[in-house]
Amino acid sequence: MLDACHGTLIMHELYPAECTDETCDELSEVRHALIIGCDELDDCGCRGERPQELPRAS
C-alpha cells in the first residue's frame, strides 16, 4: 500500500509547512504529489512579514 496524502503541501518561508488536507499528520514532501510555495498564495502571512531588502553599497 502506498502511503500518500491527497492534499497540497504548502511550503512557507517563515512558518512550518502545512497541508490542505485537515487529516494529514505527516508533512513530508515525499508523501505529497502537489507542493507549492507560499509565494503562490495571495493570503499567506509570510508575504507581509518578509524583511525589505536594504540598498547595497557599491
PDB file of N, CA and C in Angstrom:
ATOM      1  N   MET A   1       0.839  -1.182   0.000  1.00  0.00           N
ATOM      2  CA  MET A   1       0.000   0.000   0.000  1.00  0.00           C
ATOM      3  C   MET A   1       0.885   1.248   0.000  1.00  0.00           C
ATOM      4  N   LEU A   2       0.555   2.195  -0.830  1.00  0.00           N
ATOM      5  CA  LEU A   2       1.311   3.438  -0.942  1.00  0.00           C
ATOM      6  C   LEU A   2       0.781   4.448   0.063  1.00  0.00           C
ATOM      7  N   ASP A   3       1.659   4.991   0.856  1.00  0.00           N
ATOM      8  CA  ASP A   3       1.280   5.978   1.860  1.00  0.00           C
ATOM      9  C   ASP A   3       1.442   7.362   1.259  1.00  0.00           C
ATOM     10  N   ALA A   4       0.321   7.977   0.858  1.00  0.00           N
ATOM     11  CA  ALA A   4       0.374   9.295   0.231  1.00  0.00           C
ATOM     12  C   ALA A   4      -0.793  10.137   0.725  1.00  0.00           C
ATOM     13  N   CYS A   5      -0.613  11.429   0.670  1.00  0.00           N
ATOM     14  CA  CYS A   5      -1.655  12.373   1.048  1.00  0.00           C
ATOM     15  C   CYS A   5      -2.242  12.964  -0.233  1.00  0.00           C
ATOM     16  N   HIS A   6      -3.534  13.221  -0.227  1.00  0.00           N
ATOM     17  CA  HIS A   6      -4.191  13.785  -1.399  1.00  0.00           C
ATOM     18  C   HIS A   6      -4.343  15.303  -1.317  1.00  0.00           C
ATOM     19  N   GLY A   7      -3.803  15.892  -0.279  1.00  0.00           N
ATOM     20  CA  GLY A   7      -3.841  17.341  -0.136  1.00  0.00           C
ATOM     21  C   GLY A   7      -2.629  17.984  -0.790  1.00  0.00           C
ATOM     22  N   THR A   8      -2.588  19.298  -0.745  1.00  0.00           N
ATOM     23  CA  THR A   8      -1.465  20.059  -1.280  1.00  0.00           C
ATOM     24  C   THR A   8      -0.593  20.533  -0.125  1.00  0.00           C
ATOM     25  N   LEU A   9       0.698  20.290  -0.214  1.00  0.00           N
ATOM     26  CA  LEU A   9       1.640  20.736   0.804  1.00  0.00           C
ATOM     27  C   LEU A   9       2.062  22.159   0.476  1.00  0.00           C
ATOM     28  N   ILE A  10       1.915  23.048   1.440  1.00  0.00           N
ATOM     29  CA  ILE A  10       2.292  24.451   1.256  1.00  0.00           C
ATOM     30  C   ILE A  10       3.570  24.690   2.045  1.00  0.00           C
ATOM     31  N   MET A  11       4.612  25.064   1.335  1.00  0.00           N
ATOM     32  CA  MET A  11       5.916  25.323   1.949  1.00  0.00           C
ATOM     33  C   MET A  11       6.036  26.823   2.230  1.00  0.00           C
ATOM     34  N   HIS A  12       6.091  27.166   3.507  1.00  0.00           N
ATOM     35  CA  HIS A  12       6.197  28.571   3.918  1.00  0.00           C
ATOM     36  C   HIS A  12       7.657  28.972   4.085  1.00  0.00           C
ATOM     37  N   GLU A  13       7.913  30.252   3.925  1.00  0.00           N
ATOM     38  CA  GLU A  13       9.263  30.776   4.121  1.00  0.00           C
ATOM     39  C   GLU A  13       9.545  31.036   5.600  1.00  0.00           C
ATOM     40  N   LEU A  14       8.539  31.464   6.339  1.00  0.00           N
ATOM     41  CA  LEU A  14       8.730  31.852   7.724  1.00  0.00           C
ATOM     42  C   LEU A  14       8.094  30.903   8.731  1.00  0.00           C
ATOM     43  N   TYR A  15       7.237  30.007   8.275  1.00  0.00           N
ATOM     44  CA  TYR A  15       6.482  29.121   9.160  1.00  0.00           C
ATOM     45  C   TYR A  15       6.660  27.676   8.730  1.00  0.00           C
ATOM     46  N   PRO A  16       6.277  26.734   9.593  1.00  0.00           N
ATOM     47  CA  PRO A  16       6.335  25.318   9.198  1.00  0.00           C
ATOM     48  C   PRO A  16       5.370  25.035   8.037  1.00  0.00           C
ATOM     49  N   ALA A  17       5.649  23.996   7.304  1.00  0.00           N
ATOM     50  CA  ALA A  17       4.783  23.593   6.185  1.00  0.00           C
ATOM     51  C   ALA A  17       3.397  23.230   6.715  1.00  0.00           C
ATOM     52  N   GLU A  18       2.410  23.329   5.834  1.00  0.00           N
ATOM     53  CA  GLU A  18       1.053  22.918   6.178  1.00  0.00           C
ATOM     54  C   GLU A  18       0.427  22.214   4.987  1.00  0.00           C
ATOM     55  N   CYS A  19      -0.609  21.427   5.255  1.00  0.00           N
ATOM     56  CA  CYS A  19      -1.283  20.675   4.207  1.00  0.00           C
ATOM     57  C   CYS A  19      -2.740  21.108   4.140  1.00  0.00           C
ATOM     58  N   THR A  20      -3.312  21.100   2.934  1.00  0.00           N
ATOM     59  CA  THR A  20      -4.708  21.478   2.765  1.00  0.00           C
ATOM     60  C   THR A  20      -5.664  20.383   3.223  1.00  0.00           C
ATOM     61  N   ASP A  21      -5.161  19.180   3.444  1.00  0.00           N
ATOM     62  CA  ASP A  21      -5.968  18.081   3.966  1.00  0.00           C
ATOM     63  C   ASP A  21      -5.878  18.105   5.487  1.00  0.00           C
ATOM     64  N   GLU A  22      -6.987  18.386   6.148  1.00  0.00           N
ATOM     65  CA  GLU A  22      -7.002  18.523   7.602  1.00  0.00           C
ATOM     66  C   GLU A  22      -6.634  17.229   8.326  1.00  0.00           C
ATOM     67  N   THR A  23      -6.785  16.084   7.672  1.00  0.00           N
ATOM     68  CA  THR A  23      -6.466  14.810   8.317  1.00  0.00           C
ATOM     69  C   THR A  23      -4.999  14.424   8.156  1.00  0.00           C
ATOM     70  N   CYS A  24      -4.239  15.186   7.400  1.00  0.00           N
ATOM     71  CA  CYS A  24      -2.826  14.883   7.162  1.00  0.00           C
ATOM     72  C   CYS A  24      -2.018  15.173   8.428  1.00  0.00           C
ATOM     73  N   ASP A  25      -1.244  14.194   8.851  1.00  0.00           N
ATOM     74  CA  ASP A  25      -0.421  14.403  10.043  1.00  0.00           C
ATOM     75  C   ASP A  25       1.067  14.199   9.759  1.00  0.00           C
ATOM     76  N   GLU A  26       1.435  13.948   8.528  1.00  0.00           N
ATOM     77  CA  GLU A  26       2.836  13.766   8.128  1.00  0.00           C
ATOM     78  C   GLU A  26       3.143  14.760   7.016  1.00  0.00           C
ATOM     79  N   LEU A  27       3.888  15.807   7.325  1.00  0.00           N
ATOM     80  CA  LEU A  27       4.120  16.902   6.380  1.00  0.00           C
ATOM     81  C   LEU A  27       5.412  16.750   5.588  1.00  0.00           C
ATOM     82  N   SER A  28       5.778  15.528   5.265  1.00  0.00           N
ATOM     83  CA  SER A  28       6.986  15.328   4.463  1.00  0.00           C
ATOM     84  C   SER A  28       6.659  15.504   2.973  1.00  0.00           C
ATOM     85  N   GLU A  29       7.641  15.994   2.232  1.00  0.00           N
ATOM     86  CA  GLU A  29       7.450  16.221   0.799  1.00  0.00           C
ATOM     87  C   GLU A  29       7.234  14.918   0.036  1.00  0.00           C
ATOM     88  N   VAL A  30       7.761  13.823   0.559  1.00  0.00           N
ATOM     89  CA  VAL A  30       7.664  12.529  -0.115  1.00  0.00           C
ATOM     90  C   VAL A  30       6.208  12.060  -0.207  1.00  0.00           C
ATOM     91  N   ARG A  31       5.390  12.388   0.761  1.00  0.00           N
ATOM     92  CA  ARG A  31       4.003  11.931   0.796  1.00  0.00           C
ATOM     93  C   ARG A  31       3.064  12.761  -0.063  1.00  0.00           C
ATOM     94  N   HIS A  32       3.500  13.889  -0.581  1.00  0.00           N
ATOM     95  CA  HIS A  32       2.622  14.803  -1.311  1.00  0.00           C
ATOM     96  C   HIS A  32       3.018  14.920  -2.777  1.00  0.00           C
ATOM     97  N   ALA A  33       2.045  14.705  -3.657  1.00  0.00           N
ATOM     98  CA  ALA A  33       2.286  14.862  -5.091  1.00  0.00           C
ATOM     99  C   ALA A  33       2.229  16.338  -5.492  1.00  0.00           C
ATOM    100  N   LEU A  34       1.465  17.116  -4.748  1.00  0.00           N
ATOM    101  CA  LEU A  34       1.317  18.544  -5.042  1.00  0.00           C
ATOM    102  C   LEU A  34       1.981  19.360  -3.945  1.00  0.00           C
ATOM    103  N   ILE A  35       2.970  20.170  -4.334  1.00  0.00           N
ATOM    104  CA  ILE A  35       3.707  21.008  -3.394  1.00  0.00           C
ATOM    105  C   ILE A  35       3.827  22.397  -4.009  1.00  0.00           C
ATOM    106  N   ILE A  36       3.427  23.411  -3.257  1.00  0.00           N
ATOM    107  CA  ILE A  36       3.558  24.783  -3.749  1.00  0.00           C
ATOM    108  C   ILE A  36       4.260  25.627  -2.691  1.00  0.00           C
ATOM    109  N   GLY A  37       4.849  26.718  -3.130  1.00  0.00           N
ATOM    110  CA  GLY A  37       5.453  27.685  -2.219  1.00  0.00           C
ATOM    111  C   GLY A  37       4.405  28.686  -1.789  1.00  0.00           C
ATOM    112  N   CYS A  38       4.552  29.228  -0.605  1.00  0.00           N
ATOM    113  CA  CYS A  38       3.557  30.170  -0.096  1.00  0.00           C
ATOM    114  C   CYS A  38       3.497  31.452  -0.924  1.00  0.00           C
ATOM    115  N   ASP A  39       4.539  31.727  -1.697  1.00  0.00           N
ATOM    116  CA  ASP A  39       4.529  32.932  -2.528  1.00  0.00           C
ATOM    117  C   ASP A  39       3.483  32.845  -3.640  1.00  0.00           C
ATOM    118  N   GLU A  40       2.947  31.657  -3.897  1.00  0.00           N
ATOM    119  CA  GLU A  40       1.902  31.488  -4.904  1.00  0.00           C
ATOM    120  C   GLU A  40       0.511  31.766  -4.342  1.00  0.00           C
ATOM    121  N   LEU A  41       0.405  32.012  -3.045  1.00  0.00           N
ATOM    122  CA  LEU A  41      -0.874  32.298  -2.402  1.00  0.00           C
ATOM    123  C   LEU A  41      -1.005  33.791  -2.159  1.00  0.00           C
ATOM    124  N   ASP A  42      -2.210  34.294  -2.303  1.00  0.00           N
ATOM    125  CA  ASP A  42      -2.444  35.727  -2.086  1.00  0.00           C
ATOM    126  C   ASP A  42      -2.570  36.082  -0.612  1.00  0.00           C
ATOM    127  N   ASP A  43      -2.963  35.124   0.222  1.00  0.00           N
ATOM    128  CA  ASP A  43      -3.277  35.451   1.606  1.00  0.00           C
ATOM    129  C   ASP A  43      -2.320  34.825   2.621  1.00  0.00           C
ATOM    130  N   CYS A  44      -1.090  34.581   2.237  1.00  0.00           N
ATOM    131  CA  CYS A  44      -0.140  33.984   3.162  1.00  0.00           C
ATOM    132  C   CYS A  44       0.450  35.055   4.077  1.00  0.00           C
ATOM    133  N   GLY A  45       0.586  34.719   5.356  1.00  0.00           N
ATOM    134  CA  GLY A  45       1.152  35.650   6.324  1.00  0.00           C
ATOM    135  C   GLY A  45       2.623  35.933   6.105  1.00  0.00           C
ATOM    136  N   CYS A  46       3.327  35.038   5.420  1.00  0.00           N
ATOM    137  CA  CYS A  46       4.756  35.252   5.155  1.00  0.00           C
ATOM    138  C   CYS A  46       4.976  36.485   4.284  1.00  0.00           C
ATOM    139  N   ARG A  47       4.054  36.746   3.385  1.00  0.00           N
ATOM    140  CA  ARG A  47       4.206  37.847   2.439  1.00  0.00           C
ATOM    141  C   ARG A  47       4.353  39.195   3.136  1.00  0.00           C
ATOM    142  N   GLY A  48       3.537  39.463   4.139  1.00  0.00           N
ATOM    143  CA  GLY A  48       3.579  40.748   4.827  1.00  0.00           C
ATOM    144  C   GLY A  48       4.713  40.861   5.827  1.00  0.00           C
ATOM    145  N   GLU A  49       5.360  39.740   6.156  1.00  0.00           N
ATOM    146  CA  GLU A  49       6.391  39.757   7.186  1.00  0.00           C
ATOM    147  C   GLU A  49       7.797  39.607   6.636  1.00  0.00           C
ATOM    148  N   ARG A  50       7.950  39.580   5.337  1.00  0.00           N
ATOM    149  CA  ARG A  50       9.289  39.454   4.757  1.00  0.00           C
ATOM    150  C   ARG A  50      10.062  40.736   4.981  1.00  0.00           C
ATOM    151  N   PRO A  51      11.287  40.635   5.394  1.00  0.00           N
ATOM    152  CA  PRO A  51      12.091  41.852   5.570  1.00  0.00           C
ATOM    153  C   PRO A  51      12.390  42.497   4.219  1.00  0.00           C
ATOM    154  N   GLN A  52      12.376  43.808   4.217  1.00  0.00           N
ATOM    155  CA  GLN A  52      12.690  44.521   2.979  1.00  0.00           C
ATOM    156  C   GLN A  52      14.190  44.479   2.752  1.00  0.00           C
ATOM    157  N   GLU A  53      14.564  44.400   1.489  1.00  0.00           N
ATOM    158  CA  GLU A  53      15.995  44.399   1.173  1.00  0.00           C
ATOM    159  C   GLU A  53      16.549  45.811   1.336  1.00  0.00           C
ATOM    160  N   LEU A  54      17.700  45.890   1.939  1.00  0.00           N
ATOM    161  CA  LEU A  54      18.349  47.182   2.101  1.00  0.00           C
ATOM    162  C   LEU A  54      19.217  47.460   0.876  1.00  0.00           C
ATOM    163  N   PRO A  55      19.372  48.707   0.515  1.00  0.00           N
ATOM    164  CA  PRO A  55      20.249  49.022  -0.607  1.00  0.00           C
ATOM    165  C   PRO A  55      21.688  48.612  -0.275  1.00  0.00           C
ATOM    166  N   ARG A  56      22.398  48.159  -1.269  1.00  0.00           N
ATOM    167  CA  ARG A  56      23.776  47.725  -1.066  1.00  0.00           C
ATOM    168  C   ARG A  56      24.735  48.796  -1.559  1.00  0.00           C
ATOM    169  N   ALA A  57      25.802  48.950  -0.829  1.00  0.00           N
ATOM    170  CA  ALA A  57      26.836  49.903  -1.244  1.00  0.00           C
ATOM    171  C   ALA A  57      27.630  49.299  -2.409  1.00  0.00           C
ATOM    172  N   SER A  58      28.027  50.158  -3.331  1.00  0.00           N
ATOM    173  CA  SER A  58      28.808  49.630  -4.468  1.00  0.00           C
ATOM    174  C   SER A  58      30.275  49.841  -4.283  1.00  0.00           C
TER     175      SER A  58
END
